[in-house]
Amino acid sequence: MYVQQIEYVWPDGESPTMYLRSKTKVMRSKELITKVSEVPRWGHDGSSTYQGGTKSSDCGLQPICLIPDPIRGEPNMITLCEVTRFPSWRPHPSNSRALLRRLARKYRHLNPWFGMEQEFTLYDADGIRPYRWPQGAANPYPQGRYYCGVGADEVFGRPLIEVHTAACIRAGIMISGTNAEVMPSQWEFQVGPLGPLEVSDQIWLARWLLYRLGEDLGISVKLYPKPVKGWNGAGLHTNFSTSVMREKGGLVAIRSACKKLGHFHHQHMQDHVYGAGNQRRLTGLHETCDYREFSAGVGDRSASIRIPAAVAKDGQGYLEDRRPAANMDPYRVSYAILATVCGKGFNPKVFKYFKTERGDRQV
């Protein structure tokens, strides 16, 4: 008889920003669970996750992705779940993955790739002040010395980053890099390139691992787009390409995609699409374009869309959408980009479930 812990992880129904929830099922069986198809469905109290009322609170958890648990170790696992209605098991209105799943199937012949760069800020355990920032009104040294820095006076929180990176690798998450960011206590990890569902699943799982490991080190992790006024904000820059863009002469398709993204800029900038609080980040300063404007440029980090200089030189590759905020739902951003570039356009009303509003939780 094997005893195995499986952590069920899912995005909740908070709005306009979704957050993560999880709980543990202890399994006793003659065979270890190793495939997602073997993970049993479960349920949760939707009235406590903004996904139902007290009189209709039961929601289903449909496992869709299974990874080894790098924290508890073998034979324990972590499963990412889609939230469903109960007892029909149809997608819950908050389930943005179900919408992306249908769109990804429609455009899979274009072989779209995504790479996402998750920026985040470390805070003290009480969540009030960025990690290791001075007490009171004093700030660290001015911006400039921290990006990709080294040394205890320039880099804060590396122990968490190291254990998180190692955990992602052990779990099979396609993490492709990490670095200290422009603001002290701010970091970034990258995932991809992968398909739209795969990259979005892995961003959610990597976020969960980051939050969970932060518990052990007494560090809070926040995805707030503008944690400190006057410093760089936190985004989730999204790199995108199709097979045509990656082929010789693909720069033409990349420039065409930029025009389409510009045409639907206002729709993308809705709080429930590219992130709540993004207006405070996209000011036209600190390596951003003003959220009311749209621009695209080669090697331009002040543009909405950056075409890397190497891509322009080679005439093929990908584009970088610098507008999504760090707290965005990767399923929604992937959907918006796919619908805009590969389809006839994007209507933000497709995401109908954003009814609750609790204000900025700065997570």
Protein backbone atom coordinates (compact mmCIF):
# COMPACT_ATOMS: atom_id res chain seq x y z
CA MET A 1 0.00 0.00 0.00
CA TYR A 2 1.41 3.37 -1.09
CA VAL A 3 0.66 6.67 0.65
CA GLN A 4 0.91 9.68 -1.61
CA GLN A 5 0.09 13.37 -1.15
CA ILE A 6 -1.34 15.25 -4.13
CA GLU A 7 -1.59 19.02 -3.97
CA TYR A 8 -4.54 20.35 -5.99
CA VAL A 9 -3.85 23.88 -7.30
CA TRP A 10 -6.33 26.17 -9.07
CA PRO A 11 -6.94 29.87 -9.88
CA ASP A 12 -9.85 31.33 -7.93
CA GLY A 13 -12.62 33.69 -9.01
CA GLU A 14 -11.37 36.98 -7.56
CA SER A 15 -11.69 39.90 -9.91
CA PRO A 16 -10.21 41.58 -11.77
CA THR A 17 -7.13 39.70 -10.52
CA MET A 18 -7.24 35.93 -10.00
CA TYR A 19 -5.23 34.32 -7.21
CA LEU A 20 -4.13 30.79 -6.41
CA ARG A 21 -5.71 28.29 -4.03
CA SER A 22 -4.60 24.77 -3.12
CA LYS A 23 -5.37 21.85 -0.84
CA THR A 24 -3.95 18.38 -0.23
CA LYS A 25 -5.48 14.97 -0.87
CA VAL A 26 -3.81 12.00 0.85
CA MET A 27 -4.08 8.94 -1.41
CA ARG A 28 -3.69 5.31 -0.26
CA SER A 29 -3.57 2.82 -3.10
CA LYS A 30 -1.81 -0.24 -4.45
CA GLU A 31 -0.29 1.73 -7.34
CA LEU A 32 1.30 5.16 -7.36
CA ILE A 33 -0.39 7.87 -9.40
CA THR A 34 1.98 8.99 -12.16
CA LYS A 35 -0.36 10.30 -14.90
CA VAL A 36 -2.85 13.15 -14.80
CA SER A 37 -5.53 10.79 -16.13
CA GLU A 38 -5.17 8.79 -12.91
CA VAL A 39 -5.72 11.76 -10.59
CA PRO A 40 -9.27 11.71 -9.19
CA ARG A 41 -11.56 14.67 -9.60
CA TRP A 42 -12.18 16.62 -6.43
CA GLY A 43 -14.21 19.61 -5.31
CA HIS A 44 -14.02 22.78 -3.24
CA ASP A 45 -16.16 25.42 -1.57
CA GLY A 46 -16.73 27.98 -4.30
CA SER A 47 -18.37 30.40 -1.88
CA SER A 48 -14.96 30.85 -0.25
CA THR A 49 -13.09 31.34 -3.54
CA TYR A 50 -15.46 33.82 -5.25
CA GLN A 51 -16.78 31.08 -7.51
CA GLY A 52 -20.23 30.51 -6.03
CA GLY A 53 -22.78 31.51 -3.41
CA THR A 54 -23.39 29.71 -0.13
CA LYS A 55 -26.54 28.07 -1.52
CA SER A 56 -24.74 26.78 -4.64
CA SER A 57 -21.17 26.56 -3.41
CA ASP A 58 -19.92 23.20 -4.72
CA CYS A 59 -17.36 23.49 -7.51
CA GLY A 60 -15.39 20.74 -9.22
CA LEU A 61 -11.63 20.41 -9.67
CA GLN A 62 -10.67 18.72 -12.95
CA PRO A 63 -6.94 17.81 -12.98
CA ILE A 64 -5.31 18.89 -16.24
CA CYS A 65 -1.57 18.88 -15.47
CA LEU A 66 0.55 16.76 -13.11
CA ILE A 67 4.12 17.42 -11.94
CA PRO A 68 6.38 15.89 -9.28
CA ASP A 69 6.22 17.74 -5.95
CA PRO A 70 9.73 19.17 -5.53
CA ILE A 71 9.01 20.33 -1.96
CA ARG A 72 7.59 17.15 -0.39
CA GLY A 73 9.61 14.90 -2.67
CA GLU A 74 8.76 11.49 -4.13
CA PRO A 75 6.19 10.03 -4.52
CA ASN A 76 4.13 13.16 -3.93
CA MET A 77 2.68 15.20 -6.82
CA ILE A 78 1.13 18.57 -7.66
CA THR A 79 -1.83 18.82 -10.02
CA LEU A 80 -3.10 21.98 -11.67
CA CYS A 81 -6.87 21.95 -12.09
CA GLU A 82 -9.59 23.59 -14.11
CA VAL A 83 -12.58 24.72 -12.07
CA THR A 84 -15.90 23.25 -13.19
CA ARG A 85 -19.55 23.46 -12.26
CA PHE A 86 -20.83 20.65 -10.10
CA PRO A 87 -22.26 18.13 -10.79
CA SER A 88 -22.21 18.74 -14.58
CA TRP A 89 -18.38 19.12 -14.72
CA ARG A 90 -18.77 21.78 -17.38
CA PRO A 91 -16.28 24.70 -17.22
CA HIS A 92 -17.02 27.25 -14.52
CA PRO A 93 -17.50 30.84 -15.83
CA SER A 94 -14.21 31.82 -14.13
CA ASN A 95 -12.35 29.08 -16.03
CA SER A 96 -10.39 31.11 -18.59
CA ARG A 97 -8.31 28.07 -19.48
CA ALA A 98 -11.34 26.41 -21.08
CA LEU A 99 -11.72 29.40 -23.41
CA LEU A 100 -8.03 29.31 -24.34
CA ARG A 101 -8.19 25.55 -24.86
CA ARG A 102 -10.77 25.96 -27.62
CA LEU A 103 -8.89 28.82 -29.28
CA ALA A 104 -5.53 27.02 -29.11
CA ARG A 105 -7.12 24.03 -30.85
CA LYS A 106 -8.43 26.31 -33.60
CA TYR A 107 -5.01 27.81 -34.36
CA ARG A 108 -2.72 24.89 -33.58
CA HIS A 109 -1.87 24.58 -37.28
CA LEU A 110 -0.02 27.93 -36.96
CA ASN A 111 2.21 26.40 -34.27
CA PRO A 112 2.13 29.42 -31.91
CA TRP A 113 4.90 29.69 -29.31
CA PHE A 114 4.86 31.79 -26.16
CA GLY A 115 7.62 32.72 -23.74
CA MET A 116 6.61 34.58 -20.58
CA GLU A 117 8.87 36.67 -18.34
CA GLN A 118 7.38 36.78 -14.83
CA GLU A 119 8.55 39.77 -12.80
CA PHE A 120 7.73 39.88 -9.08
CA THR A 121 8.67 41.71 -5.90
CA LEU A 122 9.77 40.18 -2.60
CA TYR A 123 8.31 41.64 0.58
CA ASP A 124 8.89 41.09 4.27
CA ALA A 125 6.65 38.43 5.78
CA ASP A 126 4.15 41.05 6.92
CA GLY A 127 3.70 42.17 3.30
CA ILE A 128 4.18 45.85 4.15
CA ARG A 129 7.68 46.71 2.96
CA PRO A 130 9.86 45.33 0.12
CA TYR A 131 12.24 42.70 1.44
CA ARG A 132 15.29 44.16 3.25
CA TRP A 133 14.38 47.75 2.39
CA PRO A 134 15.36 50.22 5.14
CA GLN A 135 12.91 51.03 7.91
CA GLY A 136 11.04 54.33 7.77
CA ALA A 137 11.09 56.75 4.85
CA ALA A 138 14.61 55.96 3.62
CA ASN A 139 15.01 54.16 0.30
CA PRO A 140 17.91 52.08 -1.02
CA TYR A 141 20.45 53.66 -3.32
CA PRO A 142 18.88 55.07 -6.53
CA GLN A 143 17.93 52.84 -9.43
CA GLY A 144 20.80 51.63 -11.58
CA ARG A 145 23.00 49.27 -9.61
CA TYR A 146 20.57 46.42 -8.97
CA TYR A 147 19.68 44.95 -12.37
CA CYS A 148 21.54 41.62 -12.72
CA GLY A 149 23.58 42.73 -9.71
CA VAL A 150 25.67 40.69 -7.31
CA GLY A 151 26.55 41.27 -3.67
CA ALA A 152 24.62 41.52 -0.42
CA ASP A 153 24.25 45.30 -0.78
CA GLU A 154 22.70 45.04 -4.25
CA VAL A 155 20.74 41.79 -4.35
CA PHE A 156 18.05 40.88 -1.83
CA GLY A 157 16.40 37.47 -1.62
CA ARG A 158 18.64 35.27 -3.75
CA PRO A 159 18.18 32.20 -1.47
CA LEU A 160 14.48 32.09 -2.43
CA ILE A 161 15.30 32.47 -6.12
CA GLU A 162 17.82 29.63 -6.00
CA VAL A 163 15.48 27.16 -4.30
CA HIS A 164 12.61 28.19 -6.58
CA THR A 165 14.65 27.66 -9.75
CA ALA A 166 15.83 24.26 -8.53
CA ALA A 167 12.26 23.31 -7.61
CA CYS A 168 10.94 24.27 -11.05
CA ILE A 169 13.64 22.18 -12.73
CA ARG A 170 12.88 19.14 -10.54
CA ALA A 171 9.19 19.54 -11.27
CA GLY A 172 9.73 19.59 -15.04
CA ILE A 173 8.68 23.22 -15.50
CA MET A 174 10.34 24.71 -18.57
CA ILE A 175 12.03 27.54 -16.68
CA SER A 176 14.59 29.13 -18.99
CA GLY A 177 16.26 31.77 -16.82
CA THR A 178 16.20 34.11 -13.83
CA ASN A 179 17.66 37.51 -13.01
CA ALA A 180 17.57 40.31 -10.47
CA GLU A 181 15.54 43.24 -11.76
CA VAL A 182 15.93 47.04 -11.78
CA MET A 183 14.31 47.62 -8.38
CA PRO A 184 15.97 46.00 -5.36
CA SER A 185 14.01 42.96 -4.10
CA GLN A 186 12.49 42.61 -7.58
CA TRP A 187 13.24 39.52 -9.67
CA GLU A 188 12.20 37.74 -12.83
CA PHE A 189 11.98 34.18 -14.10
CA GLN A 190 11.21 33.10 -17.65
CA VAL A 191 9.20 30.11 -18.90
CA GLY A 192 9.09 28.83 -22.46
CA PRO A 193 8.96 28.76 -25.38
CA LEU A 194 5.88 26.56 -25.24
CA GLY A 195 2.39 26.40 -26.67
CA PRO A 196 -0.26 28.73 -25.22
CA LEU A 197 -1.82 26.21 -22.81
CA GLU A 198 1.49 24.75 -21.70
CA VAL A 199 3.19 28.08 -20.96
CA SER A 200 0.14 29.39 -19.09
CA ASP A 201 -0.16 26.20 -17.01
CA GLN A 202 3.49 26.38 -16.09
CA ILE A 203 3.36 30.06 -15.13
CA TRP A 204 0.57 29.29 -12.66
CA LEU A 205 2.48 26.32 -11.24
CA ALA A 206 5.73 28.28 -11.00
CA ARG A 207 3.87 31.06 -9.18
CA TRP A 208 2.46 28.54 -6.70
CA LEU A 209 5.92 27.12 -6.01
CA LEU A 210 7.28 30.64 -5.47
CA TYR A 211 4.56 31.54 -2.96
CA ARG A 212 4.89 28.21 -1.16
CA LEU A 213 8.69 28.35 -0.86
CA GLY A 214 8.44 31.94 0.33
CA GLU A 215 6.45 30.66 3.33
CA ASP A 216 9.46 28.63 4.49
CA LEU A 217 11.82 31.63 4.24
CA GLY A 218 9.48 34.22 5.70
CA ILE A 219 9.24 36.12 2.40
CA SER A 220 6.01 37.29 0.78
CA VAL A 221 5.86 37.36 -3.02
CA LYS A 222 3.73 40.00 -4.73
CA LEU A 223 2.83 40.54 -8.37
CA TYR A 224 1.66 44.13 -7.94
CA PRO A 225 2.38 46.06 -11.18
CA LYS A 226 3.73 49.18 -9.44
CA PRO A 227 4.99 48.29 -5.98
CA VAL A 228 6.92 51.53 -5.32
CA LYS A 229 6.32 54.88 -7.02
CA GLY A 230 9.38 56.18 -8.84
CA TRP A 231 10.84 52.74 -9.50
CA ASN A 232 10.36 50.26 -12.34
CA GLY A 233 7.10 48.33 -12.17
CA ALA A 234 6.59 44.60 -12.58
CA GLY A 235 5.27 43.07 -15.80
CA LEU A 236 4.87 39.76 -17.49
CA HIS A 237 6.44 40.47 -20.86
CA THR A 238 5.03 37.98 -23.34
CA ASN A 239 7.07 36.79 -26.31
CA PHE A 240 5.05 35.43 -29.20
CA SER A 241 5.61 33.87 -32.61
CA THR A 242 3.99 31.62 -35.17
CA SER A 243 5.80 29.26 -37.52
CA VAL A 244 5.61 31.89 -40.29
CA MET A 245 7.31 34.48 -38.06
CA ARG A 246 10.11 32.07 -37.25
CA GLU A 247 10.84 31.29 -40.91
CA LYS A 248 13.01 33.27 -43.30
CA GLY A 249 11.29 36.56 -44.15
CA GLY A 250 9.10 36.29 -41.03
CA LEU A 251 9.74 39.94 -40.12
CA VAL A 252 6.91 40.89 -42.50
CA ALA A 253 4.48 38.76 -40.48
CA ILE A 254 5.87 40.21 -37.24
CA ARG A 255 5.24 43.78 -38.38
CA SER A 256 1.74 42.79 -39.51
CA ALA A 257 1.10 41.31 -36.05
CA CYS A 258 2.23 44.57 -34.44
CA LYS A 259 -0.36 46.49 -36.48
CA LYS A 260 -3.11 44.12 -35.39
CA LEU A 261 -2.09 44.41 -31.74
CA GLY A 262 -2.12 48.18 -32.04
CA HIS A 263 -5.62 48.16 -33.51
CA PHE A 264 -6.95 46.31 -30.45
CA HIS A 265 -4.76 48.08 -27.89
CA HIS A 266 -7.68 49.52 -25.89
CA GLN A 267 -9.32 46.09 -25.60
CA HIS A 268 -6.08 44.55 -24.33
CA MET A 269 -5.58 47.22 -21.69
CA GLN A 270 -8.72 46.29 -19.74
CA ASP A 271 -8.00 45.41 -16.09
CA HIS A 272 -9.33 41.88 -16.46
CA VAL A 273 -7.21 41.20 -19.58
CA TYR A 274 -3.71 42.67 -19.19
CA GLY A 275 -3.84 43.26 -15.43
CA ALA A 276 -5.32 45.52 -12.76
CA GLY A 277 -3.18 48.46 -11.67
CA ASN A 278 -1.38 48.50 -15.01
CA GLN A 279 -2.13 52.21 -15.54
CA ARG A 280 0.18 53.03 -12.64
CA ARG A 281 2.93 50.96 -14.24
CA LEU A 282 2.54 52.04 -17.89
CA THR A 283 3.28 55.74 -17.44
CA GLY A 284 5.70 56.30 -20.31
CA LEU A 285 8.57 56.22 -17.80
CA HIS A 286 10.71 53.40 -16.40
CA GLU A 287 10.97 51.40 -19.64
CA THR A 288 7.27 51.56 -20.52
CA CYS A 289 4.96 53.16 -23.06
CA ASP A 290 1.99 55.16 -21.75
CA TYR A 291 -1.00 52.84 -21.41
CA ARG A 292 -3.15 55.22 -23.48
CA GLU A 293 -0.75 54.96 -26.42
CA PHE A 294 0.59 52.18 -28.61
CA SER A 295 3.97 51.90 -30.27
CA ALA A 296 6.25 49.25 -31.73
CA GLY A 297 9.98 49.52 -32.31
CA VAL A 298 13.18 47.58 -32.86
CA GLY A 299 15.13 47.13 -29.62
CA ASP A 300 12.89 49.74 -27.96
CA ARG A 301 12.02 48.98 -24.32
CA SER A 302 9.90 52.12 -24.13
CA ALA A 303 7.56 50.71 -26.79
CA SER A 304 4.40 48.65 -26.29
CA ILE A 305 5.82 45.96 -28.58
CA ARG A 306 9.57 45.41 -28.87
CA ILE A 307 11.02 43.67 -31.88
CA PRO A 308 14.42 42.43 -30.67
CA ALA A 309 17.33 43.87 -32.60
CA ALA A 310 18.57 40.37 -33.45
CA VAL A 311 15.15 39.52 -34.93
CA ALA A 312 15.19 42.61 -37.13
CA LYS A 313 18.73 41.76 -38.26
CA ASP A 314 17.88 38.12 -39.05
CA GLY A 315 14.52 38.98 -40.61
CA GLN A 316 12.73 36.30 -38.57
CA GLY A 317 11.87 35.39 -34.99
CA TYR A 318 9.34 36.79 -32.52
CA LEU A 319 7.88 39.91 -30.92
CA GLU A 320 7.74 40.93 -27.26
CA ASP A 321 4.50 42.36 -25.87
CA ARG A 322 5.67 44.49 -22.94
CA ARG A 323 2.20 45.60 -21.82
CA PRO A 324 0.89 42.70 -19.66
CA ALA A 325 1.17 43.34 -15.92
CA ALA A 326 2.84 40.89 -13.55
CA ASN A 327 -0.51 40.00 -11.97
CA MET A 328 -2.27 39.08 -15.20
CA ASP A 329 -3.93 35.73 -15.91
CA PRO A 330 -1.66 34.07 -18.50
CA TYR A 331 -4.62 32.23 -20.03
CA ARG A 332 -6.35 35.55 -20.79
CA VAL A 333 -3.25 37.21 -22.22
CA SER A 334 -2.50 34.19 -24.41
CA TYR A 335 -6.11 34.23 -25.61
CA ALA A 336 -6.00 37.97 -26.39
CA ILE A 337 -2.79 37.68 -28.41
CA LEU A 338 -3.92 34.58 -30.29
CA ALA A 339 -7.33 36.05 -31.15
CA THR A 340 -5.77 39.34 -32.27
CA VAL A 341 -2.82 38.08 -34.32
CA CYS A 342 -4.21 34.81 -35.67
CA GLY A 343 -7.91 35.63 -35.84
CA LYS A 344 -10.20 38.51 -36.67
CA GLY A 345 -9.63 40.42 -33.45
CA PHE A 346 -10.28 40.37 -29.73
CA ASN A 347 -13.36 41.24 -27.68
CA PRO A 348 -12.68 41.48 -23.91
CA LYS A 349 -16.31 40.58 -23.21
CA VAL A 350 -15.37 36.97 -23.89
CA PHE A 351 -14.18 36.96 -20.27
CA LYS A 352 -17.54 37.50 -18.63
CA TYR A 353 -16.63 36.42 -15.12
CA PHE A 354 -15.16 39.45 -13.35
CA LYS A 355 -17.97 40.42 -11.03
CA THR A 356 -16.33 40.68 -7.59
CA GLU A 357 -14.03 43.56 -6.68
CA ARG A 358 -11.99 43.64 -3.52
CA GLY A 359 -9.55 46.37 -4.52
CA ASP A 360 -5.77 45.99 -4.77
CA ARG A 361 -4.48 43.14 -2.63
CA GLN A 362 -0.98 43.75 -3.99
CA VAL A 363 -0.27 40.05 -4.44
